Protein backbone atom coordinates (compact mmCIF):
# COMPACT_ATOMS: atom_id res chain seq x y z
CA MET A 1 15.75 5.73 -4.28
CA LEU A 2 15.13 3.11 -1.23
CA GLN A 3 11.85 2.70 0.32
CA VAL A 4 10.93 0.77 4.00
CA GLU A 5 7.45 -0.20 4.66
CA GLN A 6 6.35 -1.87 7.78
CA GLY A 7 3.01 -3.56 8.99
CA ASP A 8 0.72 -5.94 9.74
CA VAL A 9 -1.46 -9.12 8.64
CA ASP A 10 -5.09 -9.06 9.89
CA GLY A 11 -6.36 -12.26 12.15
CA THR A 12 -8.04 -13.76 8.33
CA GLY A 13 -4.13 -13.56 7.18
CA LYS A 14 -5.48 -12.21 3.95
CA VAL A 15 -5.18 -8.80 4.48
CA TRP A 16 -1.65 -6.96 4.83
CA THR A 17 -1.35 -4.01 5.26
CA MET A 18 1.77 -1.45 5.52
CA THR A 19 2.75 2.05 6.01
CA GLY A 20 6.11 3.91 5.14
CA THR A 21 7.37 7.44 4.65
CA LEU A 22 9.11 8.80 1.56
CA ALA A 23 9.83 12.28 0.18
CA GLY A 24 7.62 13.31 -1.88
CA PRO A 25 7.77 16.68 -4.20
CA GLY A 26 10.05 19.42 -2.89
CA GLY A 27 11.25 16.66 -1.18
CA LYS A 28 8.77 17.25 1.55
CA PRO A 29 7.56 13.80 4.08
CA MET A 30 4.82 12.05 2.64
CA THR A 31 3.26 8.64 4.28
CA LYS A 32 2.21 5.88 2.34
CA ARG A 33 -0.13 2.95 3.08
CA SER A 34 0.20 -0.01 0.55
CA VAL A 35 -2.88 -2.64 1.28
CA ILE A 36 -2.07 -6.10 0.01
CA THR A 37 -5.40 -8.58 0.00
CA LEU A 38 -5.81 -12.16 -0.87
CA VAL A 39 -9.04 -12.38 -2.64
CA ASP A 40 -8.59 -16.11 -3.27
CA ASP A 41 -5.97 -18.72 -4.51
CA ASP A 42 -6.27 -17.37 -8.21
CA HIS A 43 -6.60 -13.48 -7.55
CA HIS A 44 -5.80 -10.63 -5.14
CA THR A 45 -4.73 -6.74 -4.98
CA MET A 46 -2.84 -4.63 -4.41
CA GLU A 47 -3.82 -0.69 -3.12
CA MET A 48 -1.52 2.49 -2.81
CA TYR A 49 -2.64 5.34 -0.83
CA PHE A 50 -0.22 8.70 -0.32
CA ASP A 51 -0.69 11.34 1.81
CA MET A 52 1.24 14.87 1.35
CA GLY A 53 -0.10 16.59 4.60
CA GLY A 54 -3.62 17.35 3.34
CA GLY A 55 -5.34 14.02 3.43
CA GLU A 56 -5.02 10.46 2.25
CA THR A 57 -5.30 9.95 -1.47
CA LYS A 58 -5.41 6.31 -3.27
CA THR A 59 -2.63 6.38 -6.10
CA MET A 60 -2.90 2.95 -7.69
CA GLU A 61 -4.72 -0.46 -7.93
CA ILE A 62 -3.51 -3.36 -9.24
CA ARG A 63 -5.16 -6.72 -10.05
CA TYR A 64 -3.18 -9.85 -10.18
CA VAL A 65 -4.77 -12.83 -11.88
CA ARG A 66 -3.46 -16.24 -12.10
CA VAL A 67 -3.99 -17.76 -15.61
């Protein structure tokens, strides 16, 4: 499944927010929002939110740490 998202970076250059649409359960379209936050040189997070028509729900959070 191919998914394309588009978005922007905030004024600090540290928060990237992207949105896209994909097929959800039963083929019904749903909206996805991804937020990547650069915390510092060694840490960043990626959060995903989905909306299947009943309001947005956070479905995933990944915390990256450079070792």
